[in-house]
Amino acid sequence: MTHTANSATGHSGRHGRNGSRAGTRTAGPMTEPLPIYLNDHLLGATSGSELARRIAKQHAASPAGSALVRVADEIAQDRMALLRIMRDLGVPVRRYRMTAGWLLEKAGRLKSNGSLVRRAPLSDLVELEALRLGVEGKKLMWQALSSLDGPPSAVLDEDRLAELLRRAHGQIETIDELQIKAAKGVLGGA
């Protein structure tokens, strides 16, 4: 059974960038670069989605709460978009990579932040910086996918990739603003 990237991303009826109707699977075995690359990004997307959700929950009642909830929701949507792209390219999802991403986020809570038992003030700053790095990596992935030529480009919806890239830029702007406020609050008196 074949799928089109267009139907998976909610852009039914669109065609790949070369004008052909998308619908053929193009990815090869897991030893090829594209499947490895996308599964590596899926690991990061899983970890980042968990981190964003946790940060948003911790700050739901704060002035930054609504912005963090929006970013967390978008990051979760971006992860789903990556899964749809992988499906449309015929890239098998390596479930152990998603589990590893989930575990990685949980292990990240054990970081040395000056407090072993409770949340330290530095945690907000460090977590926003980790989230920012993850979104930057995602942005670079959308750019890389947008630059593809050959068979994968026939499956990818360039309008959807451009939308995902714009959204990543907006997430970076929001996180940068919040990181600066957190840095002033935590480090300002140092």
C-alpha atoms as a PDB file:
ATOM      1  CA  MET A   1       0.000   0.000   0.000  1.00  0.00           C
ATOM      2  CA  THR A   2       1.375   3.414  -0.850  1.00  0.00           C
ATOM      3  CA  HIS A   3       0.706   6.765   0.758  1.00  0.00           C
ATOM      4  CA  THR A   4       1.315  10.307  -0.280  1.00  0.00           C
ATOM      5  CA  ALA A   5       2.974  12.859   1.910  1.00  0.00           C
ATOM      6  CA  ASN A   6       0.208  15.189   0.898  1.00  0.00           C
ATOM      7  CA  SER A   7      -2.624  13.196   2.434  1.00  0.00           C
ATOM      8  CA  ALA A   8      -0.608  12.599   5.580  1.00  0.00           C
ATOM      9  CA  THR A   9       0.141  16.252   6.114  1.00  0.00           C
ATOM     10  CA  GLY A  10      -3.387  17.416   5.455  1.00  0.00           C
ATOM     11  CA  HIS A  11      -2.636  18.873   2.033  1.00  0.00           C
ATOM     12  CA  SER A  12      -4.713  16.512  -0.091  1.00  0.00           C
ATOM     13  CA  GLY A  13      -4.448  16.802  -3.832  1.00  0.00           C
ATOM     14  CA  ARG A  14      -1.011  18.424  -3.881  1.00  0.00           C
ATOM     15  CA  HIS A  15       1.896  17.033  -5.762  1.00  0.00           C
ATOM     16  CA  GLY A  16       5.568  16.538  -4.945  1.00  0.00           C
ATOM     17  CA  ARG A  17       8.007  19.249  -5.918  1.00  0.00           C
ATOM     18  CA  ASN A  18       8.790  17.691  -9.320  1.00  0.00           C
ATOM     19  CA  GLY A  19       5.099  17.889 -10.255  1.00  0.00           C
ATOM     20  CA  SER A  20       4.526  14.151 -10.173  1.00  0.00           C
ATOM     21  CA  ARG A  21       1.865  12.584  -8.047  1.00  0.00           C
ATOM     22  CA  ALA A  22       3.491  11.339  -4.873  1.00  0.00           C
ATOM     23  CA  GLY A  23       2.852   7.770  -3.926  1.00  0.00           C
ATOM     24  CA  THR A  24       5.907   5.590  -4.280  1.00  0.00           C
ATOM     25  CA  ARG A  25       8.045   4.519  -1.410  1.00  0.00           C
ATOM     26  CA  THR A  26      11.610   5.608  -1.889  1.00  0.00           C
ATOM     27  CA  ALA A  27      13.612   4.814   1.211  1.00  0.00           C
ATOM     28  CA  GLY A  28      15.886   1.814   1.282  1.00  0.00           C
ATOM     29  CA  PRO A  29      17.019  -0.393   4.126  1.00  0.00           C
ATOM     30  CA  MET A  30      17.991   0.971   7.510  1.00  0.00           C
ATOM     31  CA  THR A  31      21.663   1.014   6.470  1.00  0.00           C
ATOM     32  CA  GLU A  32      21.007   3.918   4.119  1.00  0.00           C
ATOM     33  CA  PRO A  33      21.524   7.479   5.363  1.00  0.00           C
ATOM     34  CA  LEU A  34      17.941   8.794   5.082  1.00  0.00           C
ATOM     35  CA  PRO A  35      16.284   6.159   7.327  1.00  0.00           C
ATOM     36  CA  ILE A  36      19.072   6.481   9.897  1.00  0.00           C
ATOM     37  CA  TYR A  37      18.874  10.283   9.803  1.00  0.00           C
ATOM     38  CA  LEU A  38      15.101  10.380  10.220  1.00  0.00           C
ATOM     39  CA  ASN A  39      15.096   7.815  13.036  1.00  0.00           C
ATOM     40  CA  ASP A  40      17.810   9.815  14.813  1.00  0.00           C
ATOM     41  CA  HIS A  41      15.605  12.897  14.533  1.00  0.00           C
ATOM     42  CA  LEU A  42      12.638  10.889  15.773  1.00  0.00           C
ATOM     43  CA  LEU A  43      14.638  10.087  18.915  1.00  0.00           C
ATOM     44  CA  GLY A  44      15.257  13.811  19.404  1.00  0.00           C
ATOM     45  CA  ALA A  45      11.640  14.683  18.607  1.00  0.00           C
ATOM     46  CA  THR A  46      10.378  12.216  21.196  1.00  0.00           C
ATOM     47  CA  SER A  47      12.727  13.550  23.849  1.00  0.00           C
ATOM     48  CA  GLY A  48      11.982  17.161  22.925  1.00  0.00           C
ATOM     49  CA  SER A  49       8.237  16.626  22.959  1.00  0.00           C
ATOM     50  CA  GLU A  50       8.420  15.111  26.448  1.00  0.00           C
ATOM     51  CA  LEU A  51      10.640  17.965  27.676  1.00  0.00           C
ATOM     52  CA  ALA A  52       8.382  20.647  26.171  1.00  0.00           C
ATOM     53  CA  ARG A  53       5.291  19.061  27.710  1.00  0.00           C
ATOM     54  CA  ARG A  54       6.948  18.905  31.145  1.00  0.00           C
ATOM     55  CA  ILE A  55       8.183  22.523  30.980  1.00  0.00           C
ATOM     56  CA  ALA A  56       4.732  23.740  29.897  1.00  0.00           C
ATOM     57  CA  LYS A  57       3.066  21.833  32.734  1.00  0.00           C
ATOM     58  CA  GLN A  58       5.492  23.235  35.334  1.00  0.00           C
ATOM     59  CA  HIS A  59       4.870  26.798  34.193  1.00  0.00           C
ATOM     60  CA  ALA A  60       1.180  26.603  33.277  1.00  0.00           C
ATOM     61  CA  ALA A  61       0.205  29.260  35.858  1.00  0.00           C
ATOM     62  CA  SER A  62       3.151  31.573  35.124  1.00  0.00           C
ATOM     63  CA  PRO A  63       3.166  34.518  32.701  1.00  0.00           C
ATOM     64  CA  ALA A  64       5.086  32.323  30.233  1.00  0.00           C
ATOM     65  CA  GLY A  65       2.570  29.483  30.566  1.00  0.00           C
ATOM     66  CA  SER A  66       0.484  30.113  27.453  1.00  0.00           C
ATOM     67  CA  ALA A  67       3.553  30.529  25.238  1.00  0.00           C
ATOM     68  CA  LEU A  68       5.082  27.334  26.620  1.00  0.00           C
ATOM     69  CA  VAL A  69       1.850  25.377  26.104  1.00  0.00           C
ATOM     70  CA  ARG A  70       1.678  26.622  22.492  1.00  0.00           C
ATOM     71  CA  VAL A  71       5.309  25.631  21.851  1.00  0.00           C
ATOM     72  CA  ALA A  72       4.766  22.208  23.473  1.00  0.00           C
ATOM     73  CA  ASP A  73       1.672  21.606  21.339  1.00  0.00           C
ATOM     74  CA  GLU A  74       3.524  22.612  18.178  1.00  0.00           C
ATOM     75  CA  ILE A  75       6.507  20.402  19.026  1.00  0.00           C
ATOM     76  CA  ALA A  76       4.159  17.435  19.506  1.00  0.00           C
ATOM     77  CA  GLN A  77       2.533  18.233  16.134  1.00  0.00           C
ATOM     78  CA  ASP A  78       5.961  18.465  14.508  1.00  0.00           C
ATOM     79  CA  ARG A  79       6.838  15.019  15.857  1.00  0.00           C
ATOM     80  CA  MET A  80       3.665  13.649  14.280  1.00  0.00           C
ATOM     81  CA  ALA A  81       4.562  15.372  10.994  1.00  0.00           C
ATOM     82  CA  LEU A  82       7.950  13.643  11.095  1.00  0.00           C
ATOM     83  CA  LEU A  83       6.248  10.283  11.633  1.00  0.00           C
ATOM     84  CA  ARG A  84       3.964  10.946   8.630  1.00  0.00           C
ATOM     85  CA  ILE A  85       6.944  11.913   6.460  1.00  0.00           C
ATOM     86  CA  MET A  86       8.749   8.742   7.501  1.00  0.00           C
ATOM     87  CA  ARG A  87       5.695   6.673   6.637  1.00  0.00           C
ATOM     88  CA  ASP A  88       5.286   8.357   3.271  1.00  0.00           C
ATOM     89  CA  LEU A  89       8.945   7.778   2.443  1.00  0.00           C
ATOM     90  CA  GLY A  90       8.654   4.146   3.499  1.00  0.00           C
ATOM     91  CA  VAL A  91      11.105   4.619   6.359  1.00  0.00           C
ATOM     92  CA  PRO A  92      10.444   2.089   9.105  1.00  0.00           C
ATOM     93  CA  VAL A  93      10.103   3.537  12.576  1.00  0.00           C
ATOM     94  CA  ARG A  94      12.559   1.990  14.969  1.00  0.00           C
ATOM     95  CA  ARG A  95      10.466   1.834  18.145  1.00  0.00           C
ATOM     96  CA  TYR A  96      13.539   1.419  20.292  1.00  0.00           C
ATOM     97  CA  ARG A  97      14.626   4.890  19.111  1.00  0.00           C
ATOM     98  CA  MET A  98      11.367   6.407  20.369  1.00  0.00           C
ATOM     99  CA  THR A  99      11.785   4.562  23.678  1.00  0.00           C
ATOM    100  CA  ALA A 100      15.362   5.820  23.885  1.00  0.00           C
ATOM    101  CA  GLY A 101      14.137   9.405  23.332  1.00  0.00           C
ATOM    102  CA  TRP A 102      11.573   9.025  26.092  1.00  0.00           C
ATOM    103  CA  LEU A 103      14.203   7.590  28.451  1.00  0.00           C
ATOM    104  CA  LEU A 104      16.696  10.293  27.496  1.00  0.00           C
ATOM    105  CA  GLU A 105      14.293  13.018  28.594  1.00  0.00           C
ATOM    106  CA  LYS A 106      13.682  11.216  31.891  1.00  0.00           C
ATOM    107  CA  ALA A 107      17.439  10.822  32.464  1.00  0.00           C
ATOM    108  CA  GLY A 108      17.882  14.537  31.731  1.00  0.00           C
ATOM    109  CA  ARG A 109      16.006  15.267  34.920  1.00  0.00           C
ATOM    110  CA  LEU A 110      18.916  13.795  36.867  1.00  0.00           C
ATOM    111  CA  LYS A 111      21.317  16.489  35.695  1.00  0.00           C
ATOM    112  CA  SER A 112      23.518  18.217  38.197  1.00  0.00           C
ATOM    113  CA  ASN A 113      21.766  21.490  38.881  1.00  0.00           C
ATOM    114  CA  GLY A 114      22.798  22.249  42.419  1.00  0.00           C
ATOM    115  CA  SER A 115      19.892  20.411  44.012  1.00  0.00           C
ATOM    116  CA  LEU A 116      19.454  16.662  44.228  1.00  0.00           C
ATOM    117  CA  VAL A 117      16.017  16.375  45.811  1.00  0.00           C
ATOM    118  CA  ARG A 118      14.035  19.332  44.557  1.00  0.00           C
ATOM    119  CA  ARG A 119      13.945  21.529  41.521  1.00  0.00           C
ATOM    120  CA  ALA A 120      16.704  24.137  41.471  1.00  0.00           C
ATOM    121  CA  PRO A 121      16.249  27.671  40.060  1.00  0.00           C
ATOM    122  CA  LEU A 122      18.864  26.857  37.424  1.00  0.00           C
ATOM    123  CA  SER A 123      16.619  24.066  36.064  1.00  0.00           C
ATOM    124  CA  ASP A 124      14.371  26.500  34.162  1.00  0.00           C
ATOM    125  CA  LEU A 125      17.317  28.048  32.333  1.00  0.00           C
ATOM    126  CA  VAL A 126      19.008  24.739  31.496  1.00  0.00           C
ATOM    127  CA  GLU A 127      15.766  23.143  30.297  1.00  0.00           C
ATOM    128  CA  LEU A 128      14.907  26.082  28.039  1.00  0.00           C
ATOM    129  CA  GLU A 129      18.395  25.895  26.538  1.00  0.00           C
ATOM    130  CA  ALA A 130      18.016  22.138  25.940  1.00  0.00           C
ATOM    131  CA  LEU A 131      14.641  22.741  24.320  1.00  0.00           C
ATOM    132  CA  ARG A 132      16.145  25.475  22.131  1.00  0.00           C
ATOM    133  CA  LEU A 133      18.880  23.110  20.941  1.00  0.00           C
ATOM    134  CA  GLY A 134      16.276  20.495  20.042  1.00  0.00           C
ATOM    135  CA  VAL A 135      14.194  22.956  18.022  1.00  0.00           C
ATOM    136  CA  GLU A 136      17.333  24.124  16.210  1.00  0.00           C
ATOM    137  CA  GLY A 137      18.078  20.525  15.238  1.00  0.00           C
ATOM    138  CA  LYS A 138      14.513  20.078  14.000  1.00  0.00           C
ATOM    139  CA  LYS A 139      14.769  23.263  11.949  1.00  0.00           C
ATOM    140  CA  LEU A 140      17.930  21.958  10.311  1.00  0.00           C
ATOM    141  CA  MET A 141      16.176  18.661   9.522  1.00  0.00           C
ATOM    142  CA  TRP A 142      13.294  20.489   7.797  1.00  0.00           C
ATOM    143  CA  GLN A 143      15.896  22.459   5.807  1.00  0.00           C
ATOM    144  CA  ALA A 144      17.725  19.269   4.829  1.00  0.00           C
ATOM    145  CA  LEU A 145      14.503  17.582   3.698  1.00  0.00           C
ATOM    146  CA  SER A 146      13.560  20.693   1.716  1.00  0.00           C
ATOM    147  CA  SER A 147      16.865  20.496  -0.154  1.00  0.00           C
ATOM    148  CA  LEU A 148      16.441  16.897  -1.329  1.00  0.00           C
ATOM    149  CA  ASP A 149      16.407  16.076  -5.006  1.00  0.00           C
ATOM    150  CA  GLY A 150      15.576  12.801  -6.687  1.00  0.00           C
ATOM    151  CA  PRO A 151      12.919  10.277  -5.642  1.00  0.00           C
ATOM    152  CA  PRO A 152      12.363  11.515  -2.054  1.00  0.00           C
ATOM    153  CA  SER A 153      11.533  14.993  -3.340  1.00  0.00           C
ATOM    154  CA  ALA A 154       8.598  13.563  -5.299  1.00  0.00           C
ATOM    155  CA  VAL A 155       7.014  12.387  -2.040  1.00  0.00           C
ATOM    156  CA  LEU A 156       7.735  15.435   0.114  1.00  0.00           C
ATOM    157  CA  ASP A 157       5.327  18.359   0.096  1.00  0.00           C
ATOM    158  CA  GLU A 158       7.501  21.445  -0.157  1.00  0.00           C
ATOM    159  CA  ASP A 159       4.711  23.758   1.044  1.00  0.00           C
ATOM    160  CA  ARG A 160       4.269  21.665   4.195  1.00  0.00           C
ATOM    161  CA  LEU A 161       8.039  21.593   4.802  1.00  0.00           C
ATOM    162  CA  ALA A 162       8.169  25.387   4.399  1.00  0.00           C
ATOM    163  CA  GLU A 163       5.342  25.693   6.939  1.00  0.00           C
ATOM    164  CA  LEU A 164       7.182  23.423   9.390  1.00  0.00           C
ATOM    165  CA  LEU A 165      10.361  25.447   8.902  1.00  0.00           C
ATOM    166  CA  ARG A 166       8.536  28.730   9.584  1.00  0.00           C
ATOM    167  CA  ARG A 167       7.009  27.244  12.705  1.00  0.00           C
ATOM    168  CA  ALA A 168      10.444  26.138  13.951  1.00  0.00           C
ATOM    169  CA  HIS A 169      11.724  29.702  13.492  1.00  0.00           C
ATOM    170  CA  GLY A 170       8.780  30.994  15.560  1.00  0.00           C
ATOM    171  CA  GLN A 171       9.451  28.432  18.287  1.00  0.00           C
ATOM    172  CA  ILE A 172      13.089  29.512  18.412  1.00  0.00           C
ATOM    173  CA  GLU A 173      12.072  33.169  18.818  1.00  0.00           C
ATOM    174  CA  THR A 174       9.681  32.307  21.654  1.00  0.00           C
ATOM    175  CA  ILE A 175      12.179  30.087  23.463  1.00  0.00           C
ATOM    176  CA  ASP A 176      14.932  32.692  23.071  1.00  0.00           C
ATOM    177  CA  GLU A 177      12.738  35.346  24.708  1.00  0.00           C
ATOM    178  CA  LEU A 178      11.878  33.015  27.596  1.00  0.00           C
ATOM    179  CA  GLN A 179      15.512  31.936  27.990  1.00  0.00           C
ATOM    180  CA  ILE A 180      16.670  35.543  28.283  1.00  0.00           C
ATOM    181  CA  LYS A 181      14.048  36.228  30.980  1.00  0.00           C
ATOM    182  CA  ALA A 182      15.057  33.061  32.831  1.00  0.00           C
ATOM    183  CA  ALA A 183      18.736  33.945  32.595  1.00  0.00           C
ATOM    184  CA  LYS A 184      18.103  37.425  34.034  1.00  0.00           C
ATOM    185  CA  GLY A 185      16.030  35.937  36.836  1.00  0.00           C
ATOM    186  CA  VAL A 186      18.503  33.203  37.772  1.00  0.00           C
ATOM    187  CA  LEU A 187      21.875  34.698  36.924  1.00  0.00           C
ATOM    188  CA  GLY A 188      21.126  38.398  37.374  1.00  0.00           C
ATOM    189  CA  GLY A 189      22.194  38.413  41.011  1.00  0.00           C
ATOM    190  CA  ALA A 190      25.267  36.234  40.494  1.00  0.00           C
END
